[in-house]
């Protein structure tokens, strides 16, 4: 993977991780109820599910690449368009205060926190669709697919762990209060919406 493409991957990965979602809510909930240090178990569970999603997408895309490079490019451009669509939808979304997840016991076993994080990400209905749109943007069919997917997965996982633990978990209380106001949600929706549209357009021309 070229360094310039990896930088784009790292930037896009950071954007994805910073976008509030089910994983961020789960991380904040764990940090508030089980403590900052123990919230890492939920984050690791989320990463395990993320790896499963990437493996599913990688197997499907690998078969597609070997059979039809044209189909691969069609999916790549469709994926970029999907990212733009997500950005527009995010930008136009209305504030909706999300309910907190059930409080976790302070003495909840690490394995239980890990399992909850795993299922929160694994059962996200849009995750596989999103990765199907996202990952082909950084894959070159003529290069080793295994190496590229290994780099992509390691990069996304490392960034997501850092963001989840040192941003969402560390700033759980203040960030949660911010997202519970209509004004705060509107600001986040506009910012992340514009960023997603920009990334989608950029990725369409990066190859």
N, C-alpha and C. Protein backbone atom coordinates (compact mmCIF):
# COMPACT_ATOMS: atom_id res chain seq x y z
N UNK A 1 0.84 -1.19 0.00
CA UNK A 1 0.00 0.00 0.00
C UNK A 1 0.88 1.24 0.00
N UNK A 2 0.66 2.15 -0.96
CA UNK A 2 1.43 3.38 -1.02
C UNK A 2 1.16 4.23 0.21
N UNK A 3 2.19 4.99 0.61
CA UNK A 3 2.07 5.77 1.85
C UNK A 3 0.95 6.81 1.75
N UNK A 4 0.80 7.42 0.57
CA UNK A 4 -0.26 8.42 0.39
C UNK A 4 -1.64 7.79 0.56
N UNK A 5 -1.80 6.56 0.04
CA UNK A 5 -3.08 5.87 0.18
C UNK A 5 -3.31 5.47 1.63
N UNK A 6 -2.22 5.07 2.33
CA UNK A 6 -2.35 4.72 3.74
C UNK A 6 -2.75 5.94 4.58
N UNK A 7 -2.19 7.11 4.24
CA UNK A 7 -2.57 8.33 4.96
C UNK A 7 -4.05 8.62 4.79
N UNK A 8 -4.54 8.42 3.57
CA UNK A 8 -5.97 8.62 3.32
C UNK A 8 -6.78 7.61 4.12
N UNK A 9 -6.29 6.37 4.19
CA UNK A 9 -6.96 5.34 4.99
C UNK A 9 -6.99 5.73 6.46
N UNK A 10 -5.87 6.21 6.98
CA UNK A 10 -5.80 6.61 8.39
C UNK A 10 -6.75 7.76 8.68
N UNK A 11 -6.81 8.72 7.76
CA UNK A 11 -7.71 9.85 7.94
C UNK A 11 -9.17 9.44 7.91
N UNK A 12 -9.51 8.58 6.95
CA UNK A 12 -10.88 8.09 6.86
C UNK A 12 -11.23 7.23 8.08
N UNK A 13 -10.27 6.42 8.53
CA UNK A 13 -10.51 5.59 9.70
C UNK A 13 -10.76 6.42 10.95
N UNK A 14 -10.01 7.51 11.08
CA UNK A 14 -10.22 8.41 12.23
C UNK A 14 -11.59 9.05 12.16
N UNK A 15 -12.00 9.47 10.96
CA UNK A 15 -13.32 10.08 10.79
C UNK A 15 -14.42 9.10 11.19
N UNK A 16 -14.29 7.86 10.74
CA UNK A 16 -15.28 6.84 11.09
C UNK A 16 -15.34 6.63 12.60
N UNK A 17 -14.17 6.55 13.23
CA UNK A 17 -14.13 6.28 14.66
C UNK A 17 -14.71 7.44 15.47
N UNK A 18 -14.47 8.67 15.02
CA UNK A 18 -14.96 9.84 15.75
C UNK A 18 -16.45 10.07 15.55
N UNK A 19 -17.04 9.43 14.53
CA UNK A 19 -18.47 9.61 14.29
C UNK A 19 -19.26 8.85 15.35
N UNK A 20 -20.09 9.54 16.14
CA UNK A 20 -20.86 8.87 17.20
C UNK A 20 -21.76 7.79 16.64
N UNK A 21 -21.75 6.64 17.27
CA UNK A 21 -22.58 5.53 16.84
C UNK A 21 -22.78 4.57 17.98
N UNK A 22 -23.23 3.35 17.65
CA UNK A 22 -23.51 2.36 18.70
C UNK A 22 -22.26 2.03 19.50
N UNK A 23 -21.10 1.92 18.82
CA UNK A 23 -19.87 1.61 19.53
C UNK A 23 -19.46 2.71 20.49
N UNK A 24 -19.63 3.96 20.07
CA UNK A 24 -19.28 5.09 20.93
C UNK A 24 -20.19 5.14 22.15
N UNK A 25 -21.47 4.89 21.94
CA UNK A 25 -22.42 4.91 23.05
C UNK A 25 -22.10 3.79 24.04
N UNK A 26 -21.77 2.61 23.51
CA UNK A 26 -21.41 1.49 24.38
C UNK A 26 -20.15 1.79 25.18
N UNK A 27 -19.17 2.41 24.53
CA UNK A 27 -17.92 2.76 25.21
C UNK A 27 -18.15 3.77 26.32
N UNK A 28 -18.96 4.81 26.03
CA UNK A 28 -19.25 5.81 27.05
C UNK A 28 -20.01 5.20 28.22
N UNK A 29 -20.94 4.32 27.92
CA UNK A 29 -21.70 3.66 28.97
C UNK A 29 -20.79 2.83 29.86
N UNK A 30 -19.87 2.06 29.24
CA UNK A 30 -18.93 1.25 30.03
C UNK A 30 -18.03 2.12 30.89
N UNK A 31 -17.56 3.23 30.33
CA UNK A 31 -16.67 4.11 31.07
C UNK A 31 -17.37 4.73 32.27
N UNK A 32 -18.63 5.10 32.07
CA UNK A 32 -19.40 5.72 33.15
C UNK A 32 -19.73 4.73 34.27
N UNK A 33 -20.01 3.48 33.87
CA UNK A 33 -20.50 2.51 34.85
C UNK A 33 -19.46 1.53 35.36
N UNK A 34 -18.46 1.21 34.54
CA UNK A 34 -17.45 0.23 34.95
C UNK A 34 -16.08 0.88 35.16
N UNK A 35 -15.94 2.12 34.74
CA UNK A 35 -14.67 2.80 34.90
C UNK A 35 -13.87 2.88 33.61
N UNK A 36 -13.00 3.89 33.53
CA UNK A 36 -12.22 4.13 32.32
C UNK A 36 -11.35 2.94 31.94
N UNK A 37 -10.61 2.39 32.90
CA UNK A 37 -9.68 1.30 32.59
C UNK A 37 -10.41 0.06 32.11
N UNK A 38 -11.50 -0.30 32.78
CA UNK A 38 -12.20 -1.54 32.43
C UNK A 38 -13.02 -1.39 31.16
N UNK A 39 -13.23 -0.16 30.69
CA UNK A 39 -13.98 0.04 29.45
C UNK A 39 -13.21 -0.51 28.24
N UNK A 40 -11.90 -0.74 28.40
CA UNK A 40 -11.10 -1.28 27.30
C UNK A 40 -11.61 -2.64 26.86
N UNK A 41 -12.20 -3.42 27.77
CA UNK A 41 -12.69 -4.75 27.40
C UNK A 41 -13.83 -4.65 26.40
N UNK A 42 -14.71 -3.69 26.59
CA UNK A 42 -15.79 -3.49 25.63
C UNK A 42 -15.26 -3.03 24.28
N UNK A 43 -14.22 -2.18 24.32
CA UNK A 43 -13.61 -1.69 23.08
C UNK A 43 -12.97 -2.84 22.31
N UNK A 44 -12.29 -3.74 23.03
CA UNK A 44 -11.67 -4.89 22.38
C UNK A 44 -12.73 -5.82 21.78
N UNK A 45 -13.85 -5.94 22.45
CA UNK A 45 -14.95 -6.74 21.90
C UNK A 45 -15.46 -6.14 20.60
N UNK A 46 -15.56 -4.83 20.57
CA UNK A 46 -16.00 -4.15 19.36
C UNK A 46 -15.01 -4.37 18.22
N UNK A 47 -13.72 -4.40 18.54
CA UNK A 47 -12.72 -4.62 17.49
C UNK A 47 -12.78 -6.04 16.94
N UNK A 48 -13.09 -6.99 17.81
CA UNK A 48 -13.22 -8.38 17.35
C UNK A 48 -14.35 -8.49 16.32
N UNK A 49 -15.45 -7.79 16.58
CA UNK A 49 -16.56 -7.79 15.63
C UNK A 49 -16.17 -7.06 14.34
N UNK A 50 -15.40 -5.99 14.47
CA UNK A 50 -14.94 -5.26 13.30
C UNK A 50 -14.10 -6.15 12.38
N UNK A 51 -13.22 -6.96 13.00
CA UNK A 51 -12.39 -7.88 12.21
C UNK A 51 -13.27 -8.89 11.47
N UNK A 52 -14.33 -9.37 12.12
CA UNK A 52 -15.25 -10.30 11.48
C UNK A 52 -15.89 -9.64 10.25
N UNK A 53 -16.31 -8.38 10.40
CA UNK A 53 -16.92 -7.67 9.27
C UNK A 53 -15.95 -7.54 8.11
N UNK A 54 -14.72 -7.16 8.41
CA UNK A 54 -13.73 -6.99 7.34
C UNK A 54 -13.44 -8.32 6.66
N UNK A 55 -13.36 -9.41 7.43
CA UNK A 55 -13.11 -10.73 6.84
C UNK A 55 -14.24 -11.12 5.88
N UNK A 56 -15.47 -10.87 6.29
CA UNK A 56 -16.61 -11.19 5.43
C UNK A 56 -16.53 -10.41 4.12
N UNK A 57 -16.26 -9.12 4.25
CA UNK A 57 -16.16 -8.27 3.05
C UNK A 57 -14.97 -8.68 2.20
N UNK A 58 -13.82 -8.96 2.85
CA UNK A 58 -12.60 -9.32 2.12
C UNK A 58 -12.81 -10.59 1.31
N UNK A 59 -13.46 -11.58 1.88
CA UNK A 59 -13.70 -12.83 1.15
C UNK A 59 -14.58 -12.59 -0.06
N UNK A 60 -15.62 -11.80 0.12
CA UNK A 60 -16.52 -11.51 -1.00
C UNK A 60 -15.86 -10.68 -2.08
N UNK A 61 -15.13 -9.64 -1.69
CA UNK A 61 -14.46 -8.78 -2.66
C UNK A 61 -13.34 -9.54 -3.35
N UNK A 62 -12.64 -10.42 -2.62
CA UNK A 62 -11.57 -11.20 -3.22
C UNK A 62 -12.07 -12.08 -4.35
N UNK A 63 -13.21 -12.72 -4.12
CA UNK A 63 -13.81 -13.55 -5.17
C UNK A 63 -14.21 -12.68 -6.35
N UNK A 64 -14.77 -11.51 -6.06
CA UNK A 64 -15.22 -10.61 -7.12
C UNK A 64 -14.06 -10.10 -7.96
N UNK A 65 -12.95 -9.74 -7.30
CA UNK A 65 -11.78 -9.23 -8.02
C UNK A 65 -11.22 -10.29 -8.96
N UNK A 66 -11.15 -11.52 -8.50
CA UNK A 66 -10.58 -12.58 -9.32
C UNK A 66 -11.46 -12.88 -10.53
N UNK A 67 -12.76 -12.59 -10.42
CA UNK A 67 -13.66 -12.89 -11.53
C UNK A 67 -13.94 -11.74 -12.45
N UNK A 68 -13.96 -10.51 -11.92
CA UNK A 68 -14.33 -9.37 -12.76
C UNK A 68 -13.79 -8.06 -12.19
N UNK A 69 -12.66 -7.58 -12.70
CA UNK A 69 -12.13 -6.27 -12.28
C UNK A 69 -13.11 -5.14 -12.55
N UNK A 70 -13.90 -5.26 -13.62
CA UNK A 70 -14.88 -4.23 -13.93
C UNK A 70 -15.93 -4.13 -12.83
N UNK A 71 -16.41 -5.29 -12.37
CA UNK A 71 -17.39 -5.30 -11.29
C UNK A 71 -16.80 -4.70 -10.03
N UNK A 72 -15.50 -4.97 -9.80
CA UNK A 72 -14.83 -4.39 -8.63
C UNK A 72 -14.86 -2.86 -8.68
N UNK A 73 -14.56 -2.31 -9.85
CA UNK A 73 -14.56 -0.84 -9.99
C UNK A 73 -15.96 -0.27 -9.85
N UNK A 74 -16.95 -1.00 -10.34
CA UNK A 74 -18.33 -0.53 -10.19
C UNK A 74 -18.69 -0.44 -8.72
N UNK A 75 -18.31 -1.48 -7.95
CA UNK A 75 -18.58 -1.48 -6.51
C UNK A 75 -17.81 -0.35 -5.82
N UNK A 76 -16.59 -0.12 -6.27
CA UNK A 76 -15.77 0.93 -5.64
C UNK A 76 -16.43 2.30 -5.80
N UNK A 77 -16.89 2.60 -7.01
CA UNK A 77 -17.55 3.89 -7.24
C UNK A 77 -18.91 3.97 -6.57
N UNK A 78 -19.61 2.84 -6.55
CA UNK A 78 -20.88 2.81 -5.84
C UNK A 78 -20.66 3.03 -4.35
N UNK A 79 -19.56 2.49 -3.83
CA UNK A 79 -19.22 2.69 -2.43
C UNK A 79 -18.94 4.14 -2.11
N UNK A 80 -18.20 4.82 -3.00
CA UNK A 80 -17.92 6.25 -2.80
C UNK A 80 -19.22 7.04 -2.80
N UNK A 81 -20.13 6.66 -3.70
CA UNK A 81 -21.43 7.34 -3.77
C UNK A 81 -22.23 7.10 -2.49
N UNK A 82 -22.08 5.89 -1.93
CA UNK A 82 -22.79 5.57 -0.69
C UNK A 82 -22.28 6.42 0.47
N UNK A 83 -20.97 6.66 0.50
CA UNK A 83 -20.40 7.51 1.55
C UNK A 83 -20.94 8.93 1.43
N UNK A 84 -21.08 9.42 0.20
CA UNK A 84 -21.66 10.75 -0.01
C UNK A 84 -23.11 10.77 0.48
N UNK A 85 -23.84 9.70 0.17
CA UNK A 85 -25.23 9.59 0.62
C UNK A 85 -25.32 9.61 2.15
N UNK A 86 -24.41 8.86 2.81
CA UNK A 86 -24.40 8.85 4.27
C UNK A 86 -24.15 10.26 4.81
N UNK A 87 -23.24 10.98 4.17
CA UNK A 87 -22.93 12.34 4.60
C UNK A 87 -24.13 13.26 4.47
N UNK A 88 -24.84 13.16 3.35
CA UNK A 88 -26.02 14.00 3.14
C UNK A 88 -27.10 13.67 4.16
N UNK A 89 -27.28 12.36 4.40
CA UNK A 89 -28.29 11.95 5.38
C UNK A 89 -27.92 12.42 6.77
N UNK A 90 -26.63 12.33 7.10
CA UNK A 90 -26.16 12.80 8.40
C UNK A 90 -26.37 14.31 8.53
N UNK A 91 -26.08 15.04 7.47
CA UNK A 91 -26.20 16.50 7.48
C UNK A 91 -27.65 16.93 7.69
N UNK A 92 -28.59 16.19 7.09
CA UNK A 92 -30.00 16.56 7.15
C UNK A 92 -30.74 15.93 8.33
N UNK A 93 -30.05 15.09 9.10
CA UNK A 93 -30.73 14.39 10.19
C UNK A 93 -31.17 15.36 11.27
N UNK A 94 -32.27 15.01 11.93
CA UNK A 94 -32.81 15.83 13.01
C UNK A 94 -32.29 15.34 14.35
N UNK A 95 -32.18 16.24 15.32
CA UNK A 95 -31.71 15.83 16.65
C UNK A 95 -32.62 14.77 17.25
N UNK A 96 -32.04 13.77 17.84
CA UNK A 96 -32.80 12.73 18.51
C UNK A 96 -31.95 12.18 19.65
N UNK A 97 -32.26 12.58 20.84
CA UNK A 97 -31.49 12.14 22.00
C UNK A 97 -31.64 10.64 22.16
N UNK A 98 -30.51 9.94 22.15
CA UNK A 98 -30.53 8.49 22.27
C UNK A 98 -30.56 8.07 23.73
N UNK A 99 -31.32 7.03 23.99
CA UNK A 99 -31.40 6.52 25.35
C UNK A 99 -30.10 5.83 25.72
N UNK A 100 -29.73 5.97 26.95
CA UNK A 100 -28.52 5.29 27.43
C UNK A 100 -28.79 3.80 27.50
N UNK A 101 -27.74 3.04 27.28
CA UNK A 101 -27.87 1.59 27.42
C UNK A 101 -28.00 1.25 28.90
N UNK A 102 -28.48 0.06 29.14
CA UNK A 102 -28.65 -0.37 30.54
C UNK A 102 -27.33 -0.28 31.27
N UNK A 103 -27.39 0.25 32.48
CA UNK A 103 -26.16 0.45 33.24
C UNK A 103 -25.49 -0.88 33.55
N UNK A 104 -24.20 -0.88 33.37
CA UNK A 104 -23.43 -2.10 33.67
C UNK A 104 -22.99 -2.07 35.13
N UNK A 105 -22.96 -3.20 35.73
CA UNK A 105 -22.51 -3.27 37.11
C UNK A 105 -21.04 -2.91 37.21
N UNK A 106 -20.68 -2.20 38.28
CA UNK A 106 -19.30 -1.82 38.49
C UNK A 106 -18.40 -3.05 38.56
N UNK A 107 -18.94 -4.15 39.04
CA UNK A 107 -18.16 -5.37 39.19
C UNK A 107 -18.47 -6.37 38.09
N UNK A 108 -18.98 -5.91 36.97
CA UNK A 108 -19.28 -6.80 35.86
C UNK A 108 -17.98 -7.44 35.35
N UNK A 109 -17.99 -8.74 35.12
CA UNK A 109 -16.77 -9.42 34.64
C UNK A 109 -16.30 -8.85 33.30
N UNK A 110 -14.98 -8.88 33.12
CA UNK A 110 -14.41 -8.36 31.87
C UNK A 110 -14.96 -9.10 30.67
N UNK A 111 -15.17 -10.42 30.80
CA UNK A 111 -15.69 -11.23 29.69
C UNK A 111 -17.09 -10.76 29.28
N UNK A 112 -17.88 -10.34 30.25
CA UNK A 112 -19.23 -9.87 29.96
C UNK A 112 -19.18 -8.53 29.21
N UNK A 113 -18.28 -7.65 29.64
CA UNK A 113 -18.12 -6.37 28.95
C UNK A 113 -17.63 -6.59 27.52
N UNK A 114 -16.70 -7.53 27.37
CA UNK A 114 -16.17 -7.87 26.04
C UNK A 114 -17.27 -8.39 25.13
N UNK A 115 -18.08 -9.32 25.64
CA UNK A 115 -19.15 -9.91 24.83
C UNK A 115 -20.17 -8.85 24.40
N UNK A 116 -20.51 -7.95 25.31
CA UNK A 116 -21.48 -6.92 24.94
C UNK A 116 -20.93 -6.02 23.83
N UNK A 117 -19.64 -5.66 23.94
CA UNK A 117 -19.03 -4.85 22.90
C UNK A 117 -19.01 -5.58 21.56
N UNK A 118 -18.73 -6.89 21.62
CA UNK A 118 -18.69 -7.70 20.40
C UNK A 118 -20.05 -7.71 19.71
N UNK A 119 -21.11 -7.95 20.49
CA UNK A 119 -22.43 -8.05 19.87
C UNK A 119 -22.97 -6.70 19.42
N UNK A 120 -22.59 -5.64 20.13
CA UNK A 120 -23.03 -4.30 19.72
C UNK A 120 -22.55 -4.00 18.30
N UNK A 121 -21.30 -4.33 18.00
CA UNK A 121 -20.76 -4.07 16.66
C UNK A 121 -21.19 -5.14 15.66
N UNK A 122 -21.19 -6.39 16.08
CA UNK A 122 -21.49 -7.47 15.14
C UNK A 122 -22.92 -7.38 14.63
N UNK A 123 -23.85 -6.99 15.47
CA UNK A 123 -25.26 -6.94 15.09
C UNK A 123 -25.67 -5.59 14.53
N UNK A 124 -24.69 -4.74 14.27
CA UNK A 124 -25.00 -3.45 13.63
C UNK A 124 -25.40 -3.74 12.18
N UNK A 125 -26.65 -3.52 11.79
CA UNK A 125 -27.13 -3.92 10.45
C UNK A 125 -26.47 -3.20 9.30
N UNK A 126 -25.87 -2.05 9.56
CA UNK A 126 -25.25 -1.28 8.47
C UNK A 126 -23.75 -1.50 8.36
N UNK A 127 -23.16 -2.26 9.29
CA UNK A 127 -21.70 -2.36 9.34
C UNK A 127 -21.12 -3.03 8.11
N UNK A 128 -21.67 -4.20 7.74
CA UNK A 128 -21.12 -4.91 6.59
C UNK A 128 -21.33 -4.12 5.31
N UNK A 129 -22.51 -3.50 5.18
CA UNK A 129 -22.78 -2.67 4.00
C UNK A 129 -21.78 -1.52 3.94
N UNK A 130 -21.51 -0.92 5.09
CA UNK A 130 -20.57 0.19 5.13
C UNK A 130 -19.17 -0.25 4.74
N UNK A 131 -18.70 -1.36 5.30
CA UNK A 131 -17.36 -1.83 4.97
C UNK A 131 -17.27 -2.29 3.51
N UNK A 132 -18.37 -2.80 2.97
CA UNK A 132 -18.37 -3.16 1.56
C UNK A 132 -18.19 -1.92 0.69
N UNK A 133 -18.70 -0.78 1.17
CA UNK A 133 -18.52 0.47 0.44
C UNK A 133 -17.16 1.09 0.72
N UNK A 134 -16.65 0.88 1.92
CA UNK A 134 -15.44 1.57 2.38
C UNK A 134 -14.15 0.90 1.93
N UNK A 135 -14.05 -0.41 2.16
CA UNK A 135 -12.76 -1.08 1.95
C UNK A 135 -12.25 -1.09 0.51
N UNK A 136 -13.12 -1.24 -0.52
CA UNK A 136 -12.57 -1.27 -1.88
C UNK A 136 -11.88 0.02 -2.29
N UNK A 137 -12.16 1.12 -1.59
CA UNK A 137 -11.53 2.40 -1.94
C UNK A 137 -10.01 2.35 -1.73
N UNK A 138 -9.55 1.43 -0.89
CA UNK A 138 -8.12 1.38 -0.53
C UNK A 138 -7.44 0.10 -1.00
N UNK A 139 -8.13 -0.66 -1.85
CA UNK A 139 -7.58 -1.93 -2.33
C UNK A 139 -7.22 -1.81 -3.82
N UNK A 140 -6.01 -2.20 -4.15
CA UNK A 140 -5.58 -2.26 -5.55
C UNK A 140 -5.59 -3.72 -5.99
N UNK A 141 -6.44 -4.08 -6.96
CA UNK A 141 -6.60 -5.48 -7.36
C UNK A 141 -5.31 -6.14 -7.84
N UNK A 142 -4.39 -5.33 -8.37
CA UNK A 142 -3.16 -5.91 -8.93
C UNK A 142 -2.13 -6.24 -7.85
N UNK A 143 -2.34 -5.78 -6.63
CA UNK A 143 -1.41 -6.05 -5.53
C UNK A 143 -1.93 -7.19 -4.65
N UNK A 144 -1.10 -7.63 -3.71
CA UNK A 144 -1.49 -8.72 -2.81
C UNK A 144 -2.68 -8.31 -1.95
N UNK A 145 -3.79 -9.02 -2.10
CA UNK A 145 -4.99 -8.69 -1.34
C UNK A 145 -4.82 -8.97 0.14
N UNK A 146 -4.16 -10.08 0.47
CA UNK A 146 -3.97 -10.44 1.88
C UNK A 146 -3.19 -9.36 2.61
N UNK A 147 -2.09 -8.90 2.00
CA UNK A 147 -1.27 -7.86 2.63
C UNK A 147 -2.06 -6.57 2.80
N UNK A 148 -2.78 -6.19 1.75
CA UNK A 148 -3.54 -4.93 1.81
C UNK A 148 -4.63 -4.99 2.87
N UNK A 149 -5.34 -6.10 2.95
CA UNK A 149 -6.40 -6.21 3.95
C UNK A 149 -5.82 -6.29 5.36
N UNK A 150 -4.64 -6.88 5.49
CA UNK A 150 -3.99 -6.93 6.80
C UNK A 150 -3.63 -5.52 7.26
N UNK A 151 -3.07 -4.72 6.35
CA UNK A 151 -2.72 -3.33 6.67
C UNK A 151 -3.97 -2.53 6.99
N UNK A 152 -5.01 -2.70 6.16
CA UNK A 152 -6.26 -1.96 6.37
C UNK A 152 -6.88 -2.30 7.72
N UNK A 153 -6.95 -3.59 8.04
CA UNK A 153 -7.56 -4.01 9.30
C UNK A 153 -6.77 -3.53 10.50
N UNK A 154 -5.44 -3.69 10.46
CA UNK A 154 -4.60 -3.25 11.58
C UNK A 154 -4.72 -1.75 11.79
N UNK A 155 -4.77 -0.99 10.70
CA UNK A 155 -4.86 0.47 10.81
C UNK A 155 -6.18 0.89 11.42
N UNK A 156 -7.28 0.33 10.92
CA UNK A 156 -8.60 0.70 11.42
C UNK A 156 -8.78 0.31 12.88
N UNK A 157 -8.33 -0.90 13.22
CA UNK A 157 -8.46 -1.37 14.61
C UNK A 157 -7.64 -0.50 15.56
N UNK A 158 -6.38 -0.21 15.19
CA UNK A 158 -5.52 0.61 16.06
C UNK A 158 -6.11 1.99 16.28
N UNK A 159 -6.59 2.61 15.21
CA UNK A 159 -7.17 3.95 15.33
C UNK A 159 -8.44 3.92 16.17
N UNK A 160 -9.27 2.91 15.94
CA UNK A 160 -10.54 2.84 16.67
C UNK A 160 -10.31 2.62 18.16
N UNK A 161 -9.33 1.81 18.52
CA UNK A 161 -9.02 1.60 19.94
C UNK A 161 -8.59 2.93 20.58
N UNK A 162 -7.70 3.65 19.90
CA UNK A 162 -7.22 4.92 20.45
C UNK A 162 -8.35 5.93 20.61
N UNK A 163 -9.20 6.04 19.58
CA UNK A 163 -10.30 7.01 19.63
C UNK A 163 -11.32 6.62 20.69
N UNK A 164 -11.70 5.34 20.71
CA UNK A 164 -12.71 4.91 21.66
C UNK A 164 -12.25 5.07 23.11
N UNK A 165 -10.99 4.71 23.36
CA UNK A 165 -10.52 4.73 24.75
C UNK A 165 -10.12 6.12 25.20
N UNK A 166 -9.35 6.83 24.37
CA UNK A 166 -8.81 8.11 24.82
C UNK A 166 -9.67 9.31 24.45
N UNK A 167 -10.76 9.07 23.72
CA UNK A 167 -11.69 10.18 23.45
C UNK A 167 -13.05 9.90 24.06
N UNK A 168 -13.74 8.87 23.57
CA UNK A 168 -15.10 8.61 24.06
C UNK A 168 -15.11 8.15 25.51
N UNK A 169 -14.21 7.22 25.87
CA UNK A 169 -14.19 6.73 27.25
C UNK A 169 -13.68 7.80 28.20
N UNK A 170 -12.61 8.50 27.81
CA UNK A 170 -12.01 9.51 28.69
C UNK A 170 -12.92 10.72 28.87
N UNK A 171 -13.63 11.08 27.79
CA UNK A 171 -14.47 12.28 27.87
C UNK A 171 -15.94 11.92 27.95
N UNK A 172 -16.24 10.76 28.51
CA UNK A 172 -17.61 10.24 28.50
C UNK A 172 -18.63 11.22 29.07
N UNK A 173 -18.35 11.76 30.23
CA UNK A 173 -19.35 12.59 30.89
C UNK A 173 -19.63 13.88 30.12
N UNK A 174 -18.59 14.61 29.78
CA UNK A 174 -18.79 15.89 29.09
C UNK A 174 -19.34 15.67 27.68
N UNK A 175 -18.84 14.66 26.97
CA UNK A 175 -19.30 14.41 25.61
C UNK A 175 -20.74 13.93 25.60
N UNK A 176 -21.09 13.12 26.59
CA UNK A 176 -22.46 12.62 26.65
C UNK A 176 -23.43 13.76 26.91
N UNK A 177 -23.05 14.69 27.77
CA UNK A 177 -23.92 15.84 28.03
C UNK A 177 -24.09 16.67 26.76
N UNK A 178 -23.02 16.77 25.98
CA UNK A 178 -23.08 17.56 24.75
C UNK A 178 -24.03 16.93 23.74
N UNK A 179 -23.99 15.62 23.59
CA UNK A 179 -24.83 14.95 22.61
C UNK A 179 -26.28 14.84 23.05
N UNK A 180 -26.57 15.16 24.29
CA UNK A 180 -27.95 15.08 24.76
C UNK A 180 -28.70 16.38 24.55
N UNK A 181 -28.06 17.40 23.97
CA UNK A 181 -28.74 18.65 23.64
C UNK A 181 -28.99 18.71 22.14
N UNK A 182 -30.08 19.35 21.76
CA UNK A 182 -30.42 19.44 20.34
C UNK A 182 -29.35 20.24 19.58
N UNK A 183 -28.87 21.31 20.18
CA UNK A 183 -27.86 22.12 19.52
C UNK A 183 -26.57 21.31 19.30
N UNK A 184 -26.16 20.56 20.31
CA UNK A 184 -24.96 19.76 20.18
C UNK A 184 -25.08 18.71 19.09
N UNK A 185 -26.24 18.05 19.03
CA UNK A 185 -26.46 17.04 18.00
C UNK A 185 -26.48 17.65 16.60
N UNK A 186 -27.06 18.85 16.48
CA UNK A 186 -27.10 19.52 15.18
C UNK A 186 -25.69 19.84 14.69
N UNK A 187 -24.86 20.34 15.60
CA UNK A 187 -23.47 20.67 15.23
C UNK A 187 -22.74 19.42 14.76
N UNK A 188 -22.85 18.32 15.52
CA UNK A 188 -22.19 17.08 15.14
C UNK A 188 -22.70 16.57 13.79
N UNK A 189 -24.01 16.64 13.58
CA UNK A 189 -24.59 16.15 12.33
C UNK A 189 -24.05 16.93 11.13
N UNK A 190 -23.97 18.26 11.25
CA UNK A 190 -23.49 19.08 10.14
C UNK A 190 -22.01 18.81 9.87
N UNK A 191 -21.22 18.77 10.94
CA UNK A 191 -19.77 18.58 10.77
C UNK A 191 -19.46 17.23 10.14
N UNK A 192 -20.02 16.16 10.72
CA UNK A 192 -19.72 14.83 10.20
C UNK A 192 -20.36 14.60 8.84
N UNK A 193 -21.49 15.23 8.58
CA UNK A 193 -22.11 15.11 7.27
C UNK A 193 -21.23 15.68 6.18
N UNK A 194 -20.70 16.88 6.41
CA UNK A 194 -19.80 17.51 5.43
C UNK A 194 -18.54 16.68 5.24
N UNK A 195 -17.99 16.17 6.34
CA UNK A 195 -16.77 15.37 6.26
C UNK A 195 -16.98 14.09 5.46
N UNK A 196 -18.11 13.43 5.67
CA UNK A 196 -18.39 12.20 4.94
C UNK A 196 -18.53 12.46 3.43
N UNK A 197 -19.22 13.54 3.08
CA UNK A 197 -19.36 13.88 1.66
C UNK A 197 -17.99 14.15 1.05
N UNK A 198 -17.15 14.90 1.78
CA UNK A 198 -15.80 15.20 1.28
C UNK A 198 -14.97 13.95 1.09
N UNK A 199 -15.04 13.03 2.06
CA UNK A 199 -14.28 11.79 1.95
C UNK A 199 -14.78 10.95 0.78
N UNK A 200 -16.10 10.87 0.59
CA UNK A 200 -16.65 10.10 -0.51
C UNK A 200 -16.19 10.62 -1.87
N UNK A 201 -16.19 11.94 -2.02
CA UNK A 201 -15.75 12.54 -3.27
C UNK A 201 -14.25 12.32 -3.48
N UNK A 202 -13.48 12.49 -2.41
CA UNK A 202 -12.03 12.30 -2.50
C UNK A 202 -11.67 10.87 -2.89
N UNK A 203 -12.33 9.91 -2.25
CA UNK A 203 -12.00 8.52 -2.50
C UNK A 203 -12.37 8.08 -3.92
N UNK A 204 -13.35 8.75 -4.52
CA UNK A 204 -13.73 8.40 -5.88
C UNK A 204 -12.61 8.70 -6.87
N UNK A 205 -11.71 9.60 -6.50
CA UNK A 205 -10.64 10.02 -7.43
C UNK A 205 -9.25 9.66 -6.93
N UNK A 206 -9.16 8.90 -5.84
CA UNK A 206 -7.85 8.67 -5.22
C UNK A 206 -7.04 7.63 -5.99
N UNK A 207 -7.67 6.73 -6.73
CA UNK A 207 -6.92 5.70 -7.46
C UNK A 207 -6.39 6.29 -8.76
